[in-house]
Amino acid sequence: METDLNTIHVFKTNIGKIDTGCPMYQKLNDHKDIQQWSIDHDDIDCVLRIVSETLQPKQIITLIREFGHKCQELI
């Protein structure tokens, strides 16, 4: 089954490596509306990819900023 490209949201962040015990990791993992997420730490923009059929980019940006990180949608 292919992922609908409209459900993949991509953001430029300043998120460094995070461990499985940190609050942001837990929030992203446990969020009922997030099917998958990843951070590309090899990319200079620390690209965050989130797959969600219901969340809008502004909601994701707000969520990430609550943890003190910068987050900007990449279009």
Protein backbone atom coordinates (compact mmCIF):
# COMPACT_ATOMS: atom_id res chain seq x y z
CA MET A 1 0.00 0.00 0.00
CA GLU A 2 1.38 3.40 -1.01
CA THR A 3 1.29 6.43 1.25
CA ASP A 4 -0.83 9.33 -0.01
CA LEU A 5 1.67 12.13 -0.64
CA ASN A 6 -0.84 14.66 0.68
CA THR A 7 -0.47 13.10 4.12
CA ILE A 8 3.33 13.60 4.30
CA HIS A 9 4.29 16.87 5.95
CA VAL A 10 7.91 18.07 5.74
CA PHE A 11 9.55 20.67 7.98
CA LYS A 12 12.90 22.38 8.50
CA THR A 13 13.81 22.22 12.21
CA ASN A 14 16.64 22.69 14.66
CA ILE A 15 15.96 19.36 16.39
CA GLY A 16 19.15 17.58 17.36
CA LYS A 17 19.36 13.91 18.12
CA ILE A 18 16.66 12.90 20.57
CA ASP A 19 16.53 9.80 22.71
CA THR A 20 13.53 7.58 23.24
CA GLY A 21 12.97 8.90 26.76
CA CYS A 22 12.63 12.58 25.93
CA PRO A 23 9.15 14.17 26.11
CA MET A 24 9.05 15.24 22.44
CA TYR A 25 9.92 11.73 21.24
CA GLN A 26 7.16 10.30 23.43
CA LYS A 27 4.64 12.92 22.23
CA LEU A 28 5.35 12.19 18.55
CA ASN A 29 5.29 8.43 19.09
CA ASP A 30 2.10 8.43 21.14
CA HIS A 31 0.13 11.04 19.15
CA LYS A 32 -3.03 9.35 17.85
CA ASP A 33 -2.99 11.33 14.59
CA ILE A 34 0.64 10.60 13.64
CA GLN A 35 1.14 7.38 11.70
CA GLN A 36 4.90 7.81 11.17
CA TRP A 37 7.60 10.37 11.82
CA SER A 38 11.33 10.73 11.29
CA ILE A 39 14.08 13.32 11.56
CA ASP A 40 16.92 13.37 9.03
CA HIS A 41 19.91 14.40 11.13
CA ASP A 42 22.24 14.03 8.15
CA ASP A 43 20.44 16.92 6.43
CA ILE A 44 21.62 20.41 7.42
CA ASP A 45 17.95 21.39 7.92
CA CYS A 46 17.24 18.50 10.34
CA VAL A 47 14.21 17.64 8.20
CA LEU A 48 11.21 16.34 10.12
CA ARG A 49 8.75 14.20 8.17
CA ILE A 50 5.37 13.41 9.64
CA VAL A 51 2.70 11.21 8.08
CA SER A 52 -0.77 12.22 9.23
CA GLU A 53 -4.12 12.11 7.49
CA THR A 54 -5.69 14.63 9.88
CA LEU A 55 -3.06 17.05 11.21
CA GLN A 56 -2.42 20.26 9.33
CA PRO A 57 1.06 21.83 9.06
CA LYS A 58 0.19 24.68 11.47
CA GLN A 59 -0.82 22.14 14.13
CA ILE A 60 2.46 20.26 13.74
CA ILE A 61 4.48 23.49 13.89
CA THR A 62 2.69 24.44 17.12
CA LEU A 63 3.38 21.00 18.58
CA ILE A 64 7.12 21.17 17.82
CA ARG A 65 7.45 24.77 19.03
CA GLU A 66 5.90 23.75 22.38
CA PHE A 67 9.15 21.86 22.97
CA GLY A 68 11.25 24.97 22.22
CA HIS A 69 12.33 24.00 18.70
CA LYS A 70 12.16 25.95 15.48
CA CYS A 71 9.89 24.46 12.85
CA GLN A 72 9.10 25.73 9.36
CA GLU A 73 7.13 23.97 6.66
CA LEU A 74 9.09 23.04 3.54
CA ILE A 75 6.99 23.30 0.39
